[in-house]
Amino acid sequence: MKPNRHDSDAQQARDEQALFRAIVSLQNTEDCGNFLRDLCTPAELQALVDRWHVVELLQQGLPYRRIHDLTGVSVTTIGRVARFLSDGFGGYQAALRRAGNDTSEHSH
């Protein structure tokens, strides 16, 4: 969060919920990709892509150093992703379950 933000915790929560509703309203991977490309800077989007790739590699059981070598993602970030994968809010797990191995929409 920006240090000069003066939003209350309640306003921050409302703003987050508005963003989450916008994401849930998207119909397919094309809509989602377009939304994220509009919302994020290229560097922010790349960071999200990198973290999701790390999740997939962790699921394969690769060690942190190997993941770092393959992706260039720092070992610290890999550790953070691993921690949230096992002890986070369950978002990674839900996405893994729901996304499965379905690649039919990736051709957009």
C-alpha atoms as a PDB file:
ATOM      1  CA  MET A   1       0.000   0.000   0.000  1.00  0.00           C
ATOM      2  CA  LYS A   2       1.186   3.502  -0.699  1.00  0.00           C
ATOM      3  CA  PRO A   3       2.479   5.193   2.456  1.00  0.00           C
ATOM      4  CA  ASN A   4       0.368   8.325   1.877  1.00  0.00           C
ATOM      5  CA  ARG A   5      -2.934   6.419   1.724  1.00  0.00           C
ATOM      6  CA  HIS A   6      -5.366   7.520   4.413  1.00  0.00           C
ATOM      7  CA  ASP A   7      -8.108   4.995   3.755  1.00  0.00           C
ATOM      8  CA  SER A   8      -9.597   3.388   6.811  1.00  0.00           C
ATOM      9  CA  ASP A   9      -9.365  -0.377   7.179  1.00  0.00           C
ATOM     10  CA  ALA A  10     -13.077  -0.552   6.325  1.00  0.00           C
ATOM     11  CA  GLN A  11     -12.594   1.487   3.137  1.00  0.00           C
ATOM     12  CA  GLN A  12      -9.609  -0.657   2.164  1.00  0.00           C
ATOM     13  CA  ALA A  13     -11.726  -3.786   2.661  1.00  0.00           C
ATOM     14  CA  ARG A  14     -14.525  -2.317   0.504  1.00  0.00           C
ATOM     15  CA  ASP A  15     -12.039  -1.415  -2.222  1.00  0.00           C
ATOM     16  CA  GLU A  16     -10.550  -4.920  -2.144  1.00  0.00           C
ATOM     17  CA  GLN A  17     -14.014  -6.469  -2.372  1.00  0.00           C
ATOM     18  CA  ALA A  18     -14.810  -4.256  -5.390  1.00  0.00           C
ATOM     19  CA  LEU A  19     -11.652  -5.513  -7.119  1.00  0.00           C
ATOM     20  CA  PHE A  20     -12.430  -9.126  -6.228  1.00  0.00           C
ATOM     21  CA  ARG A  21     -15.984  -8.755  -7.613  1.00  0.00           C
ATOM     22  CA  ALA A  22     -14.561  -7.353 -10.843  1.00  0.00           C
ATOM     23  CA  ILE A  23     -12.215 -10.342 -11.172  1.00  0.00           C
ATOM     24  CA  VAL A  24     -14.974 -12.861 -10.440  1.00  0.00           C
ATOM     25  CA  SER A  25     -17.194 -11.191 -13.060  1.00  0.00           C
ATOM     26  CA  LEU A  26     -14.770 -12.049 -15.868  1.00  0.00           C
ATOM     27  CA  GLN A  27     -16.033 -14.790 -18.151  1.00  0.00           C
ATOM     28  CA  ASN A  28     -12.902 -16.461 -19.536  1.00  0.00           C
ATOM     29  CA  THR A  29      -9.119 -16.350 -19.740  1.00  0.00           C
ATOM     30  CA  GLU A  30      -9.210 -13.781 -22.525  1.00  0.00           C
ATOM     31  CA  ASP A  31     -11.295 -11.400 -20.378  1.00  0.00           C
ATOM     32  CA  CYS A  32      -9.014 -12.053 -17.416  1.00  0.00           C
ATOM     33  CA  GLY A  33      -5.862 -11.466 -19.456  1.00  0.00           C
ATOM     34  CA  ASN A  34      -7.195  -8.218 -20.882  1.00  0.00           C
ATOM     35  CA  PHE A  35      -8.264  -7.026 -17.423  1.00  0.00           C
ATOM     36  CA  LEU A  36      -4.904  -7.820 -15.846  1.00  0.00           C
ATOM     37  CA  ARG A  37      -2.987  -6.235 -18.730  1.00  0.00           C
ATOM     38  CA  ASP A  38      -5.063  -3.067 -18.257  1.00  0.00           C
ATOM     39  CA  LEU A  39      -4.776  -3.134 -14.454  1.00  0.00           C
ATOM     40  CA  CYS A  40      -1.116  -4.061 -14.003  1.00  0.00           C
ATOM     41  CA  THR A  41       2.134  -2.659 -15.241  1.00  0.00           C
ATOM     42  CA  PRO A  42       4.128  -5.156 -17.313  1.00  0.00           C
ATOM     43  CA  ALA A  43       6.418  -5.716 -14.310  1.00  0.00           C
ATOM     44  CA  GLU A  44       3.464  -6.341 -11.955  1.00  0.00           C
ATOM     45  CA  LEU A  45       1.896  -8.799 -14.371  1.00  0.00           C
ATOM     46  CA  GLN A  46       5.241 -10.569 -14.813  1.00  0.00           C
ATOM     47  CA  ALA A  47       5.580 -10.886 -11.032  1.00  0.00           C
ATOM     48  CA  LEU A  48       2.126 -12.533 -10.871  1.00  0.00           C
ATOM     49  CA  VAL A  49       3.000 -14.857 -13.755  1.00  0.00           C
ATOM     50  CA  ASP A  50       6.317 -15.750 -12.093  1.00  0.00           C
ATOM     51  CA  ARG A  51       4.640 -16.556  -8.768  1.00  0.00           C
ATOM     52  CA  TRP A  52       2.050 -18.773 -10.417  1.00  0.00           C
ATOM     53  CA  HIS A  53       4.831 -20.584 -12.297  1.00  0.00           C
ATOM     54  CA  VAL A  54       6.624 -21.085  -8.977  1.00  0.00           C
ATOM     55  CA  VAL A  55       3.439 -22.655  -7.554  1.00  0.00           C
ATOM     56  CA  GLU A  56       3.383 -25.139 -10.432  1.00  0.00           C
ATOM     57  CA  LEU A  57       7.078 -25.997  -9.979  1.00  0.00           C
ATOM     58  CA  LEU A  58       6.669 -26.405  -6.216  1.00  0.00           C
ATOM     59  CA  GLN A  59       3.771 -28.777  -6.900  1.00  0.00           C
ATOM     60  CA  GLN A  60       6.196 -30.843  -8.979  1.00  0.00           C
ATOM     61  CA  GLY A  61       8.468 -31.089  -5.947  1.00  0.00           C
ATOM     62  CA  LEU A  62      11.385 -29.134  -7.368  1.00  0.00           C
ATOM     63  CA  PRO A  63      13.864 -27.656  -4.877  1.00  0.00           C
ATOM     64  CA  TYR A  64      14.019 -23.895  -4.417  1.00  0.00           C
ATOM     65  CA  ARG A  65      17.469 -23.574  -6.054  1.00  0.00           C
ATOM     66  CA  ARG A  66      16.283 -25.424  -9.169  1.00  0.00           C
ATOM     67  CA  ILE A  67      13.171 -23.230  -9.363  1.00  0.00           C
ATOM     68  CA  HIS A  68      15.396 -20.166  -9.045  1.00  0.00           C
ATOM     69  CA  ASP A  69      17.634 -21.450 -11.833  1.00  0.00           C
ATOM     70  CA  LEU A  70      14.627 -22.109 -14.091  1.00  0.00           C
ATOM     71  CA  THR A  71      12.722 -18.886 -13.401  1.00  0.00           C
ATOM     72  CA  GLY A  72      15.100 -16.270 -12.022  1.00  0.00           C
ATOM     73  CA  VAL A  73      12.687 -15.755  -9.115  1.00  0.00           C
ATOM     74  CA  SER A  74      14.513 -15.087  -5.849  1.00  0.00           C
ATOM     75  CA  VAL A  75      14.767 -17.875  -3.314  1.00  0.00           C
ATOM     76  CA  THR A  76      13.081 -15.517  -0.817  1.00  0.00           C
ATOM     77  CA  THR A  77      10.035 -15.129  -3.081  1.00  0.00           C
ATOM     78  CA  ILE A  78       9.979 -18.871  -3.752  1.00  0.00           C
ATOM     79  CA  GLY A  79       9.957 -19.446   0.018  1.00  0.00           C
ATOM     80  CA  ARG A  80       7.117 -16.983   0.454  1.00  0.00           C
ATOM     81  CA  VAL A  81       5.082 -18.680  -2.280  1.00  0.00           C
ATOM     82  CA  ALA A  82       5.779 -22.068  -0.683  1.00  0.00           C
ATOM     83  CA  ARG A  83       4.704 -20.787   2.732  1.00  0.00           C
ATOM     84  CA  PHE A  84       1.418 -19.412   1.368  1.00  0.00           C
ATOM     85  CA  LEU A  85       0.902 -22.549  -0.691  1.00  0.00           C
ATOM     86  CA  SER A  86       0.901 -24.615   2.496  1.00  0.00           C
ATOM     87  CA  ASP A  87      -0.199 -22.152   5.201  1.00  0.00           C
ATOM     88  CA  GLY A  88      -1.830 -19.238   3.400  1.00  0.00           C
ATOM     89  CA  PHE A  89      -5.437 -18.296   2.792  1.00  0.00           C
ATOM     90  CA  GLY A  90      -6.121 -21.271   0.511  1.00  0.00           C
ATOM     91  CA  GLY A  91      -6.181 -19.226  -2.683  1.00  0.00           C
ATOM     92  CA  TYR A  92      -3.392 -21.107  -4.386  1.00  0.00           C
ATOM     93  CA  GLN A  93      -5.010 -24.430  -3.463  1.00  0.00           C
ATOM     94  CA  ALA A  94      -8.432 -23.323  -4.753  1.00  0.00           C
ATOM     95  CA  ALA A  95      -6.934 -22.140  -8.031  1.00  0.00           C
ATOM     96  CA  LEU A  96      -4.958 -25.353  -8.436  1.00  0.00           C
ATOM     97  CA  ARG A  97      -8.078 -27.452  -7.850  1.00  0.00           C
ATOM     98  CA  ARG A  98     -10.250 -25.402 -10.180  1.00  0.00           C
ATOM     99  CA  ALA A  99      -7.717 -24.809 -12.944  1.00  0.00           C
ATOM    100  CA  GLY A 100      -6.589 -28.424 -13.010  1.00  0.00           C
ATOM    101  CA  ASN A 101      -4.746 -29.387 -16.152  1.00  0.00           C
ATOM    102  CA  ASP A 102      -7.340 -27.854 -18.462  1.00  0.00           C
ATOM    103  CA  THR A 103      -5.450 -26.043 -21.208  1.00  0.00           C
ATOM    104  CA  SER A 104      -8.418 -25.635 -23.566  1.00  0.00           C
ATOM    105  CA  GLU A 105      -8.771 -21.908 -22.882  1.00  0.00           C
ATOM    106  CA  HIS A 106      -5.052 -21.143 -23.119  1.00  0.00           C
ATOM    107  CA  SER A 107      -5.202 -20.979 -26.893  1.00  0.00           C
ATOM    108  CA  HIS A 108      -6.865 -17.524 -26.845  1.00  0.00           C
END
